[in-house]
Amino acid sequence: MIPRERFLKALELEEPDRIPTFELEFQVPELFIGKKMIVGEEYDKMVSEGKVRKVTEHNVDILIRICRALDYDAIRLYAVPDIVYAIKLVKKKAPELAIIGTADGTLSIPGNWNDFVKLTREIRYRRSELKNRLLQRIRVEIERAKEQIESGADVIIGCADYCTNTGPFLSPEDFEDLVFPYLRRLVNAVHRSGAFFIKHTDGNLWPIIDNLVNTGIDALHSIDPVAGMDIGKLKKMYGDRICLCGNVDIGLLHLGSPNEVIREVKKCINAAAHGGGYILSTSNVIQKNHKKENILAMIETAKKYGKYPLKLSK
């Protein structure tokens, strides 16, 4: 089974030959392939100078190489100023990989206090105007998603964060009025275009989880254990409706030992992989402070114990 088939099989809630793996972002490719992505100030400078194609080609090459080096099944495209061109490059250079594009546009946690105050005032005093703006924004994101799918994306991931470790940044009632109707529009449009939709959000999702699943998402990432998200509980509650992506604790990749990482990976597999509909990843992204030996321990353990039919105990 090629990587793309394996990844899509899991999204179909079935058992592939083994558990698929991927990462939302991989911030230390130099540890494995000796080259860095163009990000940060260098990225902004080159894009402002009109070097969009050069940045896109470089970062796509790095992402493909890291996916192959670590035997990932899907490539999530980020830090690419021309994502449609990036998708076409991957289709040509790495057709074995599932391709994950990006679109969202729903409300997310504001980046600073001033933005939070502004949003609060809009919700209270200019709610109708806010909803009109959200509708226009989601229409733009729908067209963006369609273009990516037409270019070859198999999956769209939405990355708006909805929760902190203590819970949602809005009330459940506000989510029902200001977030989920627009997310549902996007998910439906992605499905009509023939692709899957993964929803990424950090934090404690329990107060809104049922309504989030009811939007029709195909998968949930990253199921943060630090925020109290129990992947085994989610499997029992929603394993027949959504694929679960996660949730190896990133704290262990930073501060733990390889043996602790191995135990964590086996725990995730036992909790969420039986019956299919599971994709192994970290509980966020591979970060700059993560140890190479721990990253390798995670990947190697997934390969060793992730072959279907699973032999780990339920």
C-alpha atoms as a PDB file:
ATOM      1  CA  MET A   1       0.000   0.000   0.000  1.00  0.00           C
ATOM      2  CA  ILE A   2       1.499   3.355  -0.991  1.00  0.00           C
ATOM      3  CA  PRO A   3       1.527   6.209   1.565  1.00  0.00           C
ATOM      4  CA  ARG A   4      -1.329   8.146  -0.043  1.00  0.00           C
ATOM      5  CA  GLU A   5      -3.601   5.093  -0.050  1.00  0.00           C
ATOM      6  CA  ARG A   6      -2.703   4.343   3.574  1.00  0.00           C
ATOM      7  CA  PHE A   7      -3.507   7.867   4.736  1.00  0.00           C
ATOM      8  CA  LEU A   8      -6.817   8.114   2.892  1.00  0.00           C
ATOM      9  CA  LYS A   9      -7.846   4.656   4.104  1.00  0.00           C
ATOM     10  CA  ALA A  10      -7.526   5.857   7.692  1.00  0.00           C
ATOM     11  CA  LEU A  11      -9.617   8.933   6.891  1.00  0.00           C
ATOM     12  CA  GLU A  12     -12.264   6.555   5.562  1.00  0.00           C
ATOM     13  CA  LEU A  13     -12.284   5.019   9.091  1.00  0.00           C
ATOM     14  CA  GLU A  14     -10.809   1.758   7.856  1.00  0.00           C
ATOM     15  CA  GLU A  15      -7.668  -0.243   8.628  1.00  0.00           C
ATOM     16  CA  PRO A  16      -4.816   0.220   6.149  1.00  0.00           C
ATOM     17  CA  ASP A  17      -1.761  -2.061   6.198  1.00  0.00           C
ATOM     18  CA  ARG A  18      -0.292   0.010   9.035  1.00  0.00           C
ATOM     19  CA  ILE A  19      -1.020   3.165  10.986  1.00  0.00           C
ATOM     20  CA  PRO A  20      -0.292   6.251   8.853  1.00  0.00           C
ATOM     21  CA  THR A  21       1.878   9.083  10.174  1.00  0.00           C
ATOM     22  CA  PHE A  22       2.288  12.783   9.377  1.00  0.00           C
ATOM     23  CA  GLU A  23       3.028  16.104  11.052  1.00  0.00           C
ATOM     24  CA  LEU A  24       1.253  19.430  10.831  1.00  0.00           C
ATOM     25  CA  GLU A  25       4.657  21.144  10.802  1.00  0.00           C
ATOM     26  CA  PHE A  26       8.255  19.938  11.051  1.00  0.00           C
ATOM     27  CA  GLN A  27      10.437  22.748  12.383  1.00  0.00           C
ATOM     28  CA  VAL A  28      13.803  20.944  12.416  1.00  0.00           C
ATOM     29  CA  PRO A  29      14.349  19.322   8.991  1.00  0.00           C
ATOM     30  CA  GLU A  30      18.058  20.110   9.301  1.00  0.00           C
ATOM     31  CA  LEU A  31      18.363  17.388  11.962  1.00  0.00           C
ATOM     32  CA  PHE A  32      17.509  14.764   9.356  1.00  0.00           C
ATOM     33  CA  ILE A  33      18.310  16.117   5.906  1.00  0.00           C
ATOM     34  CA  GLY A  34      20.863  18.844   6.647  1.00  0.00           C
ATOM     35  CA  LYS A  35      18.851  21.703   5.136  1.00  0.00           C
ATOM     36  CA  LYS A  36      16.491  24.328   6.548  1.00  0.00           C
ATOM     37  CA  MET A  37      13.235  25.721   5.265  1.00  0.00           C
ATOM     38  CA  ILE A  38      12.923  29.385   4.385  1.00  0.00           C
ATOM     39  CA  VAL A  39      10.838  30.882   7.193  1.00  0.00           C
ATOM     40  CA  GLY A  40      10.549  33.991   9.347  1.00  0.00           C
ATOM     41  CA  GLU A  41      12.271  37.196   8.289  1.00  0.00           C
ATOM     42  CA  GLU A  42      14.036  35.510   5.380  1.00  0.00           C
ATOM     43  CA  TYR A  43      10.683  34.261   4.080  1.00  0.00           C
ATOM     44  CA  ASP A  44       9.077  37.705   4.390  1.00  0.00           C
ATOM     45  CA  LYS A  45      12.035  39.401   2.699  1.00  0.00           C
ATOM     46  CA  MET A  46      12.149  37.020  -0.254  1.00  0.00           C
ATOM     47  CA  VAL A  47       8.388  37.153  -0.792  1.00  0.00           C
ATOM     48  CA  SER A  48       8.444  40.965  -0.660  1.00  0.00           C
ATOM     49  CA  GLU A  49      11.170  40.875  -3.307  1.00  0.00           C
ATOM     50  CA  GLY A  50       8.947  38.836  -5.610  1.00  0.00           C
ATOM     51  CA  LYS A  51      10.773  35.539  -5.095  1.00  0.00           C
ATOM     52  CA  VAL A  52       7.564  33.619  -4.479  1.00  0.00           C
ATOM     53  CA  ARG A  53       8.362  30.771  -6.847  1.00  0.00           C
ATOM     54  CA  LYS A  54      11.864  30.314  -5.443  1.00  0.00           C
ATOM     55  CA  VAL A  55      10.608  30.138  -1.846  1.00  0.00           C
ATOM     56  CA  THR A  56       7.807  27.761  -2.817  1.00  0.00           C
ATOM     57  CA  GLU A  57      10.126  25.415  -4.717  1.00  0.00           C
ATOM     58  CA  HIS A  58      12.713  25.377  -1.931  1.00  0.00           C
ATOM     59  CA  ASN A  59      10.256  24.678   0.864  1.00  0.00           C
ATOM     60  CA  VAL A  60       8.354  22.055  -1.123  1.00  0.00           C
ATOM     61  CA  ASP A  61      11.648  20.261  -1.770  1.00  0.00           C
ATOM     62  CA  ILE A  62      12.475  20.301   1.951  1.00  0.00           C
ATOM     63  CA  LEU A  63       9.009  19.050   2.925  1.00  0.00           C
ATOM     64  CA  ILE A  64       9.147  16.203   0.417  1.00  0.00           C
ATOM     65  CA  ARG A  65      12.590  15.179   1.602  1.00  0.00           C
ATOM     66  CA  ILE A  66      11.615  15.163   5.274  1.00  0.00           C
ATOM     67  CA  CYS A  67       8.468  13.150   4.523  1.00  0.00           C
ATOM     68  CA  ARG A  68      10.541  10.558   2.689  1.00  0.00           C
ATOM     69  CA  ALA A  69      13.297  10.538   5.309  1.00  0.00           C
ATOM     70  CA  LEU A  70      10.794   9.778   8.085  1.00  0.00           C
ATOM     71  CA  ASP A  71       8.426   7.708   5.965  1.00  0.00           C
ATOM     72  CA  TYR A  72       5.434   9.985   6.470  1.00  0.00           C
ATOM     73  CA  ASP A  73       2.313   9.183   4.489  1.00  0.00           C
ATOM     74  CA  ALA A  74       1.100  12.734   3.886  1.00  0.00           C
ATOM     75  CA  ILE A  75       2.709  16.073   3.226  1.00  0.00           C
ATOM     76  CA  ARG A  76       1.120  19.086   4.843  1.00  0.00           C
ATOM     77  CA  LEU A  77       2.073  22.162   2.853  1.00  0.00           C
ATOM     78  CA  TYR A  78       2.954  25.258   4.838  1.00  0.00           C
ATOM     79  CA  ALA A  79       5.396  28.177   4.457  1.00  0.00           C
ATOM     80  CA  VAL A  80       4.642  28.127   0.742  1.00  0.00           C
ATOM     81  CA  PRO A  81       3.549  31.531  -0.596  1.00  0.00           C
ATOM     82  CA  ASP A  82       1.928  29.913  -3.649  1.00  0.00           C
ATOM     83  CA  ILE A  83       0.112  26.868  -2.299  1.00  0.00           C
ATOM     84  CA  VAL A  84      -1.520  25.937  -5.620  1.00  0.00           C
ATOM     85  CA  TYR A  85       1.877  25.825  -7.319  1.00  0.00           C
ATOM     86  CA  ALA A  86       3.201  23.865  -4.321  1.00  0.00           C
ATOM     87  CA  ILE A  87       0.465  21.246  -4.700  1.00  0.00           C
ATOM     88  CA  LYS A  88       1.250  20.843  -8.386  1.00  0.00           C
ATOM     89  CA  LEU A  89       4.934  20.401  -7.568  1.00  0.00           C
ATOM     90  CA  VAL A  90       4.178  17.647  -5.060  1.00  0.00           C
ATOM     91  CA  LYS A  91       1.871  15.884  -7.526  1.00  0.00           C
ATOM     92  CA  LYS A  92       4.761  15.813  -9.980  1.00  0.00           C
ATOM     93  CA  LYS A  93       7.672  15.079  -7.646  1.00  0.00           C
ATOM     94  CA  ALA A  94       6.082  12.946  -4.918  1.00  0.00           C
ATOM     95  CA  PRO A  95       2.871  11.385  -6.227  1.00  0.00           C
ATOM     96  CA  GLU A  96       3.075   8.680  -3.566  1.00  0.00           C
ATOM     97  CA  LEU A  97       2.173  11.154  -0.795  1.00  0.00           C
ATOM     98  CA  ALA A  98      -1.261  12.339   0.264  1.00  0.00           C
ATOM     99  CA  ILE A  99      -1.361  16.124  -0.111  1.00  0.00           C
ATOM    100  CA  ILE A 100      -2.800  18.319   2.616  1.00  0.00           C
ATOM    101  CA  GLY A 101      -3.748  21.892   1.742  1.00  0.00           C
ATOM    102  CA  THR A 102      -5.016  24.590   4.087  1.00  0.00           C
ATOM    103  CA  ALA A 103      -8.207  26.624   4.435  1.00  0.00           C
ATOM    104  CA  ASP A 104     -10.237  27.774   7.420  1.00  0.00           C
ATOM    105  CA  GLY A 105     -11.419  31.332   7.987  1.00  0.00           C
ATOM    106  CA  THR A 106     -13.485  30.596  11.101  1.00  0.00           C
ATOM    107  CA  LEU A 107     -13.027  32.624  14.275  1.00  0.00           C
ATOM    108  CA  SER A 108     -10.008  31.650  16.338  1.00  0.00           C
ATOM    109  CA  ILE A 109      -8.344  32.765  19.553  1.00  0.00           C
ATOM    110  CA  PRO A 110      -7.200  36.383  19.048  1.00  0.00           C
ATOM    111  CA  GLY A 111      -3.470  36.877  18.956  1.00  0.00           C
ATOM    112  CA  ASN A 112      -3.364  39.654  21.555  1.00  0.00           C
ATOM    113  CA  TRP A 113      -5.454  41.361  24.208  1.00  0.00           C
ATOM    114  CA  ASN A 114      -6.454  44.316  22.036  1.00  0.00           C
ATOM    115  CA  ASP A 115      -7.814  42.001  19.346  1.00  0.00           C
ATOM    116  CA  PHE A 116      -9.704  40.041  21.986  1.00  0.00           C
ATOM    117  CA  VAL A 117     -11.333  43.212  23.334  1.00  0.00           C
ATOM    118  CA  LYS A 118     -12.227  44.288  19.806  1.00  0.00           C
ATOM    119  CA  LEU A 119     -13.819  40.915  19.061  1.00  0.00           C
ATOM    120  CA  THR A 120     -15.763  40.975  22.325  1.00  0.00           C
ATOM    121  CA  ARG A 121     -17.214  44.367  21.445  1.00  0.00           C
ATOM    122  CA  GLU A 122     -18.156  43.168  17.968  1.00  0.00           C
ATOM    123  CA  ILE A 123     -19.921  40.128  19.401  1.00  0.00           C
ATOM    124  CA  ARG A 124     -21.903  42.270  21.821  1.00  0.00           C
ATOM    125  CA  TYR A 125     -22.644  45.396  19.807  1.00  0.00           C
ATOM    126  CA  ARG A 126     -22.140  44.575  16.121  1.00  0.00           C
ATOM    127  CA  ARG A 127     -23.005  40.916  15.911  1.00  0.00           C
ATOM    128  CA  SER A 128     -24.841  41.121  12.582  1.00  0.00           C
ATOM    129  CA  GLU A 129     -21.947  42.947  10.959  1.00  0.00           C
ATOM    130  CA  LEU A 130     -19.533  40.362  12.334  1.00  0.00           C
ATOM    131  CA  LYS A 131     -21.604  37.500  10.954  1.00  0.00           C
ATOM    132  CA  ASN A 132     -21.734  39.125   7.522  1.00  0.00           C
ATOM    133  CA  ARG A 133     -17.959  39.479   7.593  1.00  0.00           C
ATOM    134  CA  LEU A 134     -17.547  35.855   8.653  1.00  0.00           C
ATOM    135  CA  LEU A 135     -19.798  34.744   5.809  1.00  0.00           C
ATOM    136  CA  GLN A 136     -17.739  36.662   3.264  1.00  0.00           C
ATOM    137  CA  ARG A 137     -14.538  35.288   4.744  1.00  0.00           C
ATOM    138  CA  ILE A 138     -15.714  31.678   4.594  1.00  0.00           C
ATOM    139  CA  ARG A 139     -16.790  32.144   0.972  1.00  0.00           C
ATOM    140  CA  VAL A 140     -13.240  33.219   0.154  1.00  0.00           C
ATOM    141  CA  GLU A 141     -11.833  30.200   1.998  1.00  0.00           C
ATOM    142  CA  ILE A 142     -14.211  27.868   0.168  1.00  0.00           C
ATOM    143  CA  GLU A 143     -12.910  29.101  -3.167  1.00  0.00           C
ATOM    144  CA  ARG A 144      -9.360  28.782  -1.889  1.00  0.00           C
ATOM    145  CA  ALA A 145     -10.015  25.190  -0.840  1.00  0.00           C
ATOM    146  CA  LYS A 146     -11.643  24.339  -4.159  1.00  0.00           C
ATOM    147  CA  GLU A 147      -8.643  25.658  -6.080  1.00  0.00           C
ATOM    148  CA  GLN A 148      -6.294  23.540  -3.987  1.00  0.00           C
ATOM    149  CA  ILE A 149      -8.414  20.423  -4.458  1.00  0.00           C
ATOM    150  CA  GLU A 150      -8.658  20.987  -8.204  1.00  0.00           C
ATOM    151  CA  SER A 151      -4.855  21.233  -8.271  1.00  0.00           C
ATOM    152  CA  GLY A 152      -4.470  17.880  -6.522  1.00  0.00           C
ATOM    153  CA  ALA A 153      -4.961  18.268  -2.755  1.00  0.00           C
ATOM    154  CA  ASP A 154      -6.502  15.167  -1.177  1.00  0.00           C
ATOM    155  CA  VAL A 155      -7.202  16.811   2.164  1.00  0.00           C
ATOM    156  CA  ILE A 156      -7.833  20.305   3.499  1.00  0.00           C
ATOM    157  CA  ILE A 157      -6.875  21.104   7.071  1.00  0.00           C
ATOM    158  CA  GLY A 158      -8.349  23.995   9.035  1.00  0.00           C
ATOM    159  CA  CYS A 159      -6.002  25.417  11.656  1.00  0.00           C
ATOM    160  CA  ALA A 160      -8.026  28.006  13.568  1.00  0.00           C
ATOM    161  CA  ASP A 161      -7.491  27.340  17.289  1.00  0.00           C
ATOM    162  CA  TYR A 162     -10.681  27.291  19.340  1.00  0.00           C
ATOM    163  CA  CYS A 163      -9.541  26.476  22.863  1.00  0.00           C
ATOM    164  CA  THR A 164      -6.930  27.058  25.531  1.00  0.00           C
ATOM    165  CA  ASN A 165      -5.988  24.412  28.086  1.00  0.00           C
ATOM    166  CA  THR A 166      -8.944  25.498  30.222  1.00  0.00           C
ATOM    167  CA  GLY A 167     -11.616  25.485  27.535  1.00  0.00           C
ATOM    168  CA  PRO A 168     -13.119  27.336  24.536  1.00  0.00           C
ATOM    169  CA  PHE A 169     -12.367  31.026  24.037  1.00  0.00           C
ATOM    170  CA  LEU A 170     -16.083  31.654  23.405  1.00  0.00           C
ATOM    171  CA  SER A 171     -19.168  30.207  25.061  1.00  0.00           C
ATOM    172  CA  PRO A 172     -20.627  27.043  23.498  1.00  0.00           C
ATOM    173  CA  GLU A 173     -23.642  29.145  22.477  1.00  0.00           C
ATOM    174  CA  ASP A 174     -21.408  31.602  20.626  1.00  0.00           C
ATOM    175  CA  PHE A 175     -19.644  28.735  18.894  1.00  0.00           C
ATOM    176  CA  GLU A 176     -23.015  27.513  17.655  1.00  0.00           C
ATOM    177  CA  ASP A 177     -23.820  30.950  16.274  1.00  0.00           C
ATOM    178  CA  LEU A 178     -20.457  32.371  15.192  1.00  0.00           C
ATOM    179  CA  VAL A 179     -18.180  29.444  14.367  1.00  0.00           C
ATOM    180  CA  PHE A 180     -19.802  26.140  13.533  1.00  0.00           C
ATOM    181  CA  PRO A 181     -22.247  27.302  10.835  1.00  0.00           C
ATOM    182  CA  TYR A 182     -19.302  28.681   8.839  1.00  0.00           C
ATOM    183  CA  LEU A 183     -17.096  25.659   9.501  1.00  0.00           C
ATOM    184  CA  ARG A 184     -19.973  23.448   8.315  1.00  0.00           C
ATOM    185  CA  ARG A 185     -20.177  25.429   5.056  1.00  0.00           C
ATOM    186  CA  LEU A 186     -16.468  24.916   4.458  1.00  0.00           C
ATOM    187  CA  VAL A 187     -16.542  21.213   5.296  1.00  0.00           C
ATOM    188  CA  ASN A 188     -19.520  20.627   3.004  1.00  0.00           C
ATOM    189  CA  ALA A 189     -17.813  22.476   0.153  1.00  0.00           C
ATOM    190  CA  VAL A 190     -14.643  20.419   0.603  1.00  0.00           C
ATOM    191  CA  HIS A 191     -16.693  17.218   0.510  1.00  0.00           C
ATOM    192  CA  ARG A 192     -18.528  18.311  -2.631  1.00  0.00           C
ATOM    193  CA  SER A 193     -15.147  18.880  -4.266  1.00  0.00           C
ATOM    194  CA  GLY A 194     -14.105  15.327  -3.421  1.00  0.00           C
ATOM    195  CA  ALA A 195     -11.649  15.843  -0.560  1.00  0.00           C
ATOM    196  CA  PHE A 196     -11.449  15.205   3.181  1.00  0.00           C
ATOM    197  CA  PHE A 197     -11.407  17.836   5.929  1.00  0.00           C
ATOM    198  CA  ILE A 198      -9.233  17.640   9.051  1.00  0.00           C
ATOM    199  CA  LYS A 199      -9.866  20.112  11.863  1.00  0.00           C
ATOM    200  CA  HIS A 200      -6.858  21.119  13.917  1.00  0.00           C
ATOM    201  CA  THR A 201      -7.298  22.896  17.200  1.00  0.00           C
ATOM    202  CA  ASP A 202      -5.356  22.827  20.444  1.00  0.00           C
ATOM    203  CA  GLY A 203      -6.826  22.964  23.901  1.00  0.00           C
ATOM    204  CA  ASN A 204      -9.665  21.543  25.960  1.00  0.00           C
ATOM    205  CA  LEU A 205     -12.453  20.804  23.478  1.00  0.00           C
ATOM    206  CA  TRP A 206     -14.808  18.919  25.765  1.00  0.00           C
ATOM    207  CA  PRO A 207     -17.425  21.720  26.168  1.00  0.00           C
ATOM    208  CA  ILE A 208     -17.846  21.971  22.370  1.00  0.00           C
ATOM    209  CA  ILE A 209     -16.726  18.567  21.113  1.00  0.00           C
ATOM    210  CA  ASP A 210     -20.125  17.154  20.192  1.00  0.00           C
ATOM    211  CA  ASN A 211     -21.118  20.136  18.089  1.00  0.00           C
ATOM    212  CA  LEU A 212     -17.659  20.244  16.517  1.00  0.00           C
ATOM    213  CA  VAL A 213     -18.014  16.639  15.374  1.00  0.00           C
ATOM    214  CA  ASN A 214     -21.520  17.445  14.100  1.00  0.00           C
ATOM    215  CA  THR A 215     -20.074  19.925  11.589  1.00  0.00           C
ATOM    216  CA  GLY A 216     -19.111  16.893   9.500  1.00  0.00           C
ATOM    217  CA  ILE A 217     -15.319  17.037   9.862  1.00  0.00           C
ATOM    218  CA  ASP A 218     -13.575  13.845   8.774  1.00  0.00           C
ATOM    219  CA  ALA A 219     -10.791  13.984  11.348  1.00  0.00           C
ATOM    220  CA  LEU A 220      -9.633  15.802  14.463  1.00  0.00           C
ATOM    221  CA  HIS A 221      -6.053  16.892  15.165  1.00  0.00           C
ATOM    222  CA  SER A 222      -4.181  17.194  17.593  1.00  0.00           C
ATOM    223  CA  ILE A 223      -6.093  16.057  20.703  1.00  0.00           C
ATOM    224  CA  ASP A 224      -3.834  17.705  23.278  1.00  0.00           C
ATOM    225  CA  PRO A 225      -3.261  15.504  26.365  1.00  0.00           C
ATOM    226  CA  VAL A 226      -1.933  18.489  28.360  1.00  0.00           C
ATOM    227  CA  ALA A 227      -5.376  20.069  27.984  1.00  0.00           C
ATOM    228  CA  GLY A 228      -7.110  16.937  29.232  1.00  0.00           C
ATOM    229  CA  MET A 229      -8.050  15.484  25.856  1.00  0.00           C
ATOM    230  CA  ASP A 230      -8.266  11.707  26.267  1.00  0.00           C
ATOM    231  CA  ILE A 231      -7.878  10.065  22.854  1.00  0.00           C
ATOM    232  CA  GLY A 232      -9.247   6.763  24.161  1.00  0.00           C
ATOM    233  CA  LYS A 233     -12.420   8.441  25.352  1.00  0.00           C
ATOM    234  CA  LEU A 234     -12.779  10.193  22.002  1.00  0.00           C
ATOM    235  CA  LYS A 235     -12.343   6.867  20.236  1.00  0.00           C
ATOM    236  CA  LYS A 236     -15.205   5.352  22.210  1.00  0.00           C
ATOM    237  CA  MET A 237     -17.446   8.381  21.698  1.00  0.00           C
ATOM    238  CA  TYR A 238     -16.741   9.270  18.073  1.00  0.00           C
ATOM    239  CA  GLY A 239     -14.521   6.582  16.557  1.00  0.00           C
ATOM    240  CA  ASP A 240     -17.276   5.507  14.193  1.00  0.00           C
ATOM    241  CA  ARG A 241     -17.664   9.091  12.898  1.00  0.00           C
ATOM    242  CA  ILE A 242     -14.239  10.735  12.730  1.00  0.00           C
ATOM    243  CA  CYS A 243     -10.614   9.759  12.303  1.00  0.00           C
ATOM    244  CA  LEU A 244      -8.375  10.705  15.223  1.00  0.00           C
ATOM    245  CA  CYS A 245      -4.954  12.279  14.597  1.00  0.00           C
ATOM    246  CA  GLY A 246      -2.528  12.472  17.495  1.00  0.00           C
ATOM    247  CA  ASN A 247      -1.650  12.586  20.243  1.00  0.00           C
ATOM    248  CA  VAL A 248       1.944  11.839  21.273  1.00  0.00           C
ATOM    249  CA  ASP A 249       2.747  14.364  24.005  1.00  0.00           C
ATOM    250  CA  ILE A 250       5.168  16.957  22.632  1.00  0.00           C
ATOM    251  CA  GLY A 251       6.484  17.513  26.160  1.00  0.00           C
ATOM    252  CA  LEU A 252       8.007  14.038  26.077  1.00  0.00           C
ATOM    253  CA  LEU A 253       9.709  14.774  22.751  1.00  0.00           C
ATOM    254  CA  HIS A 254      11.340  17.757  24.438  1.00  0.00           C
ATOM    255  CA  LEU A 255      12.112  16.552  27.961  1.00  0.00           C
ATOM    256  CA  GLY A 256      11.509  12.813  27.941  1.00  0.00           C
ATOM    257  CA  SER A 257      13.663   9.820  27.075  1.00  0.00           C
ATOM    258  CA  PRO A 258      13.257   7.520  24.054  1.00  0.00           C
ATOM    259  CA  ASN A 259      11.809   4.841  26.342  1.00  0.00           C
ATOM    260  CA  GLU A 260       9.177   7.271  27.606  1.00  0.00           C
ATOM    261  CA  VAL A 261       8.304   8.192  24.031  1.00  0.00           C
ATOM    262  CA  ILE A 262       8.011   4.510  23.109  1.00  0.00           C
ATOM    263  CA  ARG A 263       5.580   3.940  25.977  1.00  0.00           C
ATOM    264  CA  GLU A 264       3.559   6.998  24.942  1.00  0.00           C
ATOM    265  CA  VAL A 265       3.284   5.854  21.321  1.00  0.00           C
ATOM    266  CA  LYS A 266       2.178   2.381  22.376  1.00  0.00           C
ATOM    267  CA  LYS A 267      -0.386   3.971  24.697  1.00  0.00           C
ATOM    268  CA  CYS A 268      -1.808   6.041  21.818  1.00  0.00           C
ATOM    269  CA  ILE A 269      -1.995   3.013  19.540  1.00  0.00           C
ATOM    270  CA  ASN A 270      -3.756   0.946  22.202  1.00  0.00           C
ATOM    271  CA  ALA A 271      -6.247   3.718  22.883  1.00  0.00           C
ATOM    272  CA  ALA A 272      -7.148   4.841  19.369  1.00  0.00           C
ATOM    273  CA  ALA A 273      -5.926   2.586  16.563  1.00  0.00           C
ATOM    274  CA  HIS A 274      -8.036  -0.559  16.881  1.00  0.00           C
ATOM    275  CA  GLY A 275     -10.531  -0.833  14.051  1.00  0.00           C
ATOM    276  CA  GLY A 276      -8.802   1.834  11.965  1.00  0.00           C
ATOM    277  CA  GLY A 277      -9.604   5.517  11.697  1.00  0.00           C
ATOM    278  CA  TYR A 278      -6.370   6.557  13.363  1.00  0.00           C
ATOM    279  CA  ILE A 279      -3.341   8.576  12.212  1.00  0.00           C
ATOM    280  CA  LEU A 280      -0.364   8.904  14.519  1.00  0.00           C
ATOM    281  CA  SER A 281       1.208  12.326  15.040  1.00  0.00           C
ATOM    282  CA  THR A 282       2.365  14.545  17.849  1.00  0.00           C
ATOM    283  CA  SER A 283      -0.086  16.517  19.958  1.00  0.00           C
ATOM    284  CA  ASN A 284       0.948  19.676  18.096  1.00  0.00           C
ATOM    285  CA  VAL A 285       3.980  19.912  15.775  1.00  0.00           C
ATOM    286  CA  ILE A 286       7.612  18.809  15.710  1.00  0.00           C
ATOM    287  CA  GLN A 287       9.321  21.762  17.380  1.00  0.00           C
ATOM    288  CA  LYS A 288      12.852  23.124  17.421  1.00  0.00           C
ATOM    289  CA  ASN A 289      13.523  21.895  20.957  1.00  0.00           C
ATOM    290  CA  HIS A 290      12.549  18.289  20.262  1.00  0.00           C
ATOM    291  CA  LYS A 291      15.303  15.686  20.500  1.00  0.00           C
ATOM    292  CA  LYS A 292      16.261  13.775  17.367  1.00  0.00           C
ATOM    293  CA  GLU A 293      16.402  10.466  19.244  1.00  0.00           C
ATOM    294  CA  ASN A 294      12.871  11.011  20.561  1.00  0.00           C
ATOM    295  CA  ILE A 295      11.497  11.848  17.121  1.00  0.00           C
ATOM    296  CA  LEU A 296      13.078   8.680  15.752  1.00  0.00           C
ATOM    297  CA  ALA A 297      11.728   6.636  18.670  1.00  0.00           C
ATOM    298  CA  MET A 298       8.206   7.850  17.883  1.00  0.00           C
ATOM    299  CA  ILE A 299       8.461   6.967  14.184  1.00  0.00           C
ATOM    300  CA  GLU A 300      10.134   3.596  14.715  1.00  0.00           C
ATOM    301  CA  THR A 301       7.649   2.553  17.407  1.00  0.00           C
ATOM    302  CA  ALA A 302       4.729   3.437  15.136  1.00  0.00           C
ATOM    303  CA  LYS A 303       6.179   1.249  12.403  1.00  0.00           C
ATOM    304  CA  LYS A 304       6.950  -1.641  14.757  1.00  0.00           C
ATOM    305  CA  TYR A 305       3.617  -1.771  16.570  1.00  0.00           C
ATOM    306  CA  GLY A 306       1.330  -0.135  14.030  1.00  0.00           C
ATOM    307  CA  LYS A 307       0.893  -3.005  11.565  1.00  0.00           C
ATOM    308  CA  TYR A 308      -2.666  -4.229  11.108  1.00  0.00           C
ATOM    309  CA  PRO A 309      -4.055  -6.433  12.517  1.00  0.00           C
ATOM    310  CA  LEU A 310      -2.726  -4.851  15.679  1.00  0.00           C
ATOM    311  CA  LYS A 311      -1.088  -7.074  18.291  1.00  0.00           C
ATOM    312  CA  LEU A 312      -1.053  -4.598  21.142  1.00  0.00           C
ATOM    313  CA  SER A 313      -3.689  -5.307  23.751  1.00  0.00           C
ATOM    314  CA  LYS A 314      -6.883  -3.308  23.872  1.00  0.00           C
END
